[in-house]
């Protein structure tokens, strides 16, 4: 499954490998704060929980978690 995770704060792409090879984009929100969007093909629930654990370890605030679809690979 492919998931999109949004968190408060700004992460650059250098965190991709540490978070489990996710695609990372950051952009300012309308209120001036930063929002980072992570997109990843996740093979199973434990892998998703691993990404969420790392987000917790970075002390980032989770905004949303959305399932985007099937077994697509990242480009």
N, C-alpha and C. Protein backbone atom coordinates (compact mmCIF):
# COMPACT_ATOMS: atom_id res chain seq x y z
N UNK A 1 0.84 -1.18 0.00
CA UNK A 1 0.00 0.00 0.00
C UNK A 1 0.89 1.25 0.00
N UNK A 2 0.37 2.30 -0.61
CA UNK A 2 1.07 3.58 -0.63
C UNK A 2 0.37 4.49 0.37
N UNK A 3 1.17 5.13 1.23
CA UNK A 3 0.64 6.02 2.25
C UNK A 3 1.22 7.41 2.09
N UNK A 4 0.38 8.41 2.42
CA UNK A 4 0.83 9.80 2.50
C UNK A 4 0.70 10.21 3.97
N UNK A 5 1.80 10.71 4.52
CA UNK A 5 1.83 11.14 5.91
C UNK A 5 2.23 12.61 5.92
N UNK A 6 1.45 13.43 6.62
CA UNK A 6 1.79 14.86 6.75
C UNK A 6 2.14 15.14 8.20
N UNK A 7 3.23 15.89 8.39
CA UNK A 7 3.68 16.26 9.73
C UNK A 7 3.99 17.76 9.75
N UNK A 8 3.88 18.34 10.95
CA UNK A 8 4.29 19.72 11.12
C UNK A 8 5.80 19.77 11.16
N UNK A 9 6.36 20.81 10.58
CA UNK A 9 7.81 20.96 10.60
C UNK A 9 8.39 20.76 9.22
N UNK A 10 9.68 21.04 9.12
CA UNK A 10 10.37 20.97 7.84
C UNK A 10 11.47 19.92 7.91
N UNK A 11 11.35 18.93 7.04
CA UNK A 11 12.40 17.92 6.88
C UNK A 11 12.89 18.00 5.44
N UNK A 12 14.19 17.88 5.25
CA UNK A 12 14.67 17.85 3.87
C UNK A 12 14.84 16.39 3.43
N UNK A 13 15.16 16.21 2.17
CA UNK A 13 15.22 14.87 1.60
C UNK A 13 16.32 13.99 2.19
N UNK A 14 17.25 14.58 2.91
CA UNK A 14 18.33 13.78 3.50
C UNK A 14 17.80 12.80 4.56
N UNK A 15 16.59 13.00 5.05
CA UNK A 15 15.99 12.10 6.04
C UNK A 15 15.33 10.88 5.39
N UNK A 16 15.27 10.84 4.07
CA UNK A 16 14.54 9.78 3.36
C UNK A 16 14.98 8.38 3.75
N UNK A 17 16.27 8.11 3.74
CA UNK A 17 16.76 6.76 4.06
C UNK A 17 16.46 6.39 5.51
N UNK A 18 16.66 7.34 6.43
CA UNK A 18 16.45 7.06 7.85
C UNK A 18 14.99 6.76 8.13
N UNK A 19 14.09 7.40 7.39
CA UNK A 19 12.66 7.17 7.60
C UNK A 19 12.15 5.94 6.87
N UNK A 20 12.99 5.28 6.11
CA UNK A 20 12.56 4.07 5.42
C UNK A 20 12.36 4.28 3.94
N UNK A 21 13.22 5.08 3.33
CA UNK A 21 13.18 5.33 1.89
C UNK A 21 11.85 5.91 1.44
N UNK A 22 11.46 7.03 2.04
CA UNK A 22 10.22 7.72 1.69
C UNK A 22 10.53 8.93 0.81
N UNK A 23 9.55 9.34 0.03
CA UNK A 23 9.66 10.57 -0.76
C UNK A 23 9.24 11.71 0.17
N UNK A 24 10.08 12.76 0.26
CA UNK A 24 9.83 13.85 1.20
C UNK A 24 9.73 15.17 0.44
N UNK A 25 8.65 15.92 0.74
CA UNK A 25 8.53 17.28 0.24
C UNK A 25 8.05 18.16 1.39
N UNK A 26 8.61 19.37 1.47
CA UNK A 26 8.21 20.33 2.50
C UNK A 26 7.77 21.61 1.84
N UNK A 27 6.75 22.23 2.43
CA UNK A 27 6.24 23.49 1.90
C UNK A 27 5.64 24.30 3.04
N UNK A 28 5.68 25.63 2.92
CA UNK A 28 5.05 26.45 3.96
C UNK A 28 3.53 26.37 3.85
N UNK A 29 2.87 26.33 4.99
CA UNK A 29 1.41 26.35 5.04
C UNK A 29 0.94 27.81 4.99
N UNK A 30 -0.37 27.99 4.88
CA UNK A 30 -0.92 29.35 4.81
C UNK A 30 -0.61 30.17 6.04
N UNK A 31 -0.47 29.53 7.19
CA UNK A 31 -0.19 30.27 8.43
C UNK A 31 1.30 30.54 8.64
N UNK A 32 2.13 30.15 7.67
CA UNK A 32 3.56 30.41 7.76
C UNK A 32 4.38 29.29 8.35
N UNK A 33 3.73 28.29 8.94
CA UNK A 33 4.46 27.13 9.47
C UNK A 33 4.79 26.19 8.32
N UNK A 34 5.70 25.27 8.56
CA UNK A 34 6.08 24.30 7.53
C UNK A 34 5.32 23.00 7.71
N UNK A 35 4.99 22.36 6.59
CA UNK A 35 4.37 21.04 6.58
C UNK A 35 5.20 20.15 5.66
N UNK A 36 5.54 18.98 6.16
CA UNK A 36 6.29 18.01 5.38
C UNK A 36 5.36 16.86 5.01
N UNK A 37 5.41 16.47 3.74
CA UNK A 37 4.61 15.36 3.25
C UNK A 37 5.55 14.20 2.91
N UNK A 38 5.25 13.05 3.47
CA UNK A 38 6.01 11.82 3.22
C UNK A 38 5.13 10.87 2.43
N UNK A 39 5.65 10.30 1.37
CA UNK A 39 4.91 9.32 0.59
C UNK A 39 5.79 8.08 0.48
N UNK A 40 5.19 6.92 0.79
CA UNK A 40 5.97 5.69 0.77
C UNK A 40 5.11 4.50 0.43
N UNK A 41 5.68 3.59 -0.36
CA UNK A 41 5.07 2.28 -0.56
C UNK A 41 5.48 1.44 0.64
N UNK A 42 4.49 0.97 1.38
CA UNK A 42 4.73 0.25 2.62
C UNK A 42 4.27 -1.19 2.44
N UNK A 43 5.17 -2.16 2.65
CA UNK A 43 4.82 -3.56 2.38
C UNK A 43 3.84 -4.19 3.37
N UNK A 44 3.85 -3.69 4.63
CA UNK A 44 2.99 -4.30 5.64
C UNK A 44 2.82 -3.34 6.82
N UNK A 45 1.86 -3.63 7.72
CA UNK A 45 1.63 -2.74 8.86
C UNK A 45 2.87 -2.50 9.74
N UNK A 46 3.70 -3.50 10.03
CA UNK A 46 4.89 -3.21 10.85
C UNK A 46 5.81 -2.16 10.21
N UNK A 47 5.92 -2.16 8.88
CA UNK A 47 6.76 -1.15 8.21
C UNK A 47 6.15 0.24 8.38
N UNK A 48 4.82 0.35 8.30
CA UNK A 48 4.16 1.63 8.52
C UNK A 48 4.39 2.10 9.95
N UNK A 49 4.25 1.20 10.91
CA UNK A 49 4.49 1.57 12.31
C UNK A 49 5.93 1.98 12.53
N UNK A 50 6.87 1.39 11.78
CA UNK A 50 8.27 1.80 11.88
C UNK A 50 8.46 3.24 11.45
N UNK A 51 7.81 3.65 10.36
CA UNK A 51 7.89 5.04 9.91
C UNK A 51 7.27 5.96 10.96
N UNK A 52 6.11 5.57 11.49
CA UNK A 52 5.45 6.39 12.51
C UNK A 52 6.29 6.49 13.78
N UNK A 53 6.98 5.41 14.15
CA UNK A 53 7.87 5.44 15.31
C UNK A 53 9.00 6.44 15.09
N UNK A 54 9.55 6.48 13.88
CA UNK A 54 10.64 7.42 13.59
C UNK A 54 10.14 8.85 13.61
N UNK A 55 8.92 9.08 13.14
CA UNK A 55 8.32 10.41 13.22
C UNK A 55 8.20 10.82 14.68
N UNK A 56 7.78 9.89 15.52
CA UNK A 56 7.69 10.16 16.96
C UNK A 56 9.07 10.46 17.53
N UNK A 57 10.07 9.69 17.12
CA UNK A 57 11.43 9.90 17.63
C UNK A 57 11.97 11.29 17.28
N UNK A 58 11.51 11.85 16.15
CA UNK A 58 11.91 13.20 15.74
C UNK A 58 11.07 14.26 16.43
N UNK A 59 10.10 13.84 17.24
CA UNK A 59 9.21 14.74 17.97
C UNK A 59 8.39 15.62 17.02
N UNK A 60 7.99 15.04 15.88
CA UNK A 60 7.16 15.77 14.92
C UNK A 60 5.68 15.52 15.23
N UNK A 61 4.85 16.50 14.92
CA UNK A 61 3.42 16.38 15.14
C UNK A 61 2.76 15.83 13.88
N UNK A 62 2.05 14.71 14.03
CA UNK A 62 1.35 14.09 12.92
C UNK A 62 0.11 14.91 12.59
N UNK A 63 -0.03 15.31 11.33
CA UNK A 63 -1.21 16.04 10.87
C UNK A 63 -2.21 15.06 10.27
N UNK A 64 -1.72 14.20 9.38
CA UNK A 64 -2.64 13.24 8.75
C UNK A 64 -1.89 12.02 8.24
N UNK A 65 -2.64 10.94 8.11
CA UNK A 65 -2.15 9.68 7.54
C UNK A 65 -3.24 9.23 6.59
N UNK A 66 -2.86 9.03 5.31
CA UNK A 66 -3.86 8.68 4.31
C UNK A 66 -3.35 7.53 3.44
N UNK A 67 -4.19 6.54 3.27
CA UNK A 67 -3.88 5.46 2.34
C UNK A 67 -4.21 5.96 0.94
N UNK A 68 -3.23 5.84 0.03
CA UNK A 68 -3.40 6.39 -1.30
C UNK A 68 -3.71 5.34 -2.35
N UNK A 69 -3.51 4.09 -2.05
CA UNK A 69 -3.81 3.10 -3.09
C UNK A 69 -3.03 1.83 -2.94
N UNK A 70 -2.90 1.15 -4.05
CA UNK A 70 -2.35 -0.20 -4.09
C UNK A 70 -0.85 -0.29 -4.00
N UNK A 71 -0.35 -1.36 -4.51
CA UNK A 71 1.04 -1.76 -4.41
C UNK A 71 1.94 -1.05 -5.41
N UNK A 72 1.80 0.27 -5.53
CA UNK A 72 2.63 1.02 -6.48
C UNK A 72 4.01 1.23 -5.91
N UNK A 73 4.99 1.29 -6.80
CA UNK A 73 6.32 1.63 -6.35
C UNK A 73 6.56 3.12 -6.53
N UNK A 74 7.50 3.61 -5.72
CA UNK A 74 7.86 5.02 -5.80
C UNK A 74 8.69 5.28 -7.03
N UNK A 75 8.57 6.50 -7.58
CA UNK A 75 9.45 6.86 -8.68
C UNK A 75 10.47 7.86 -8.23
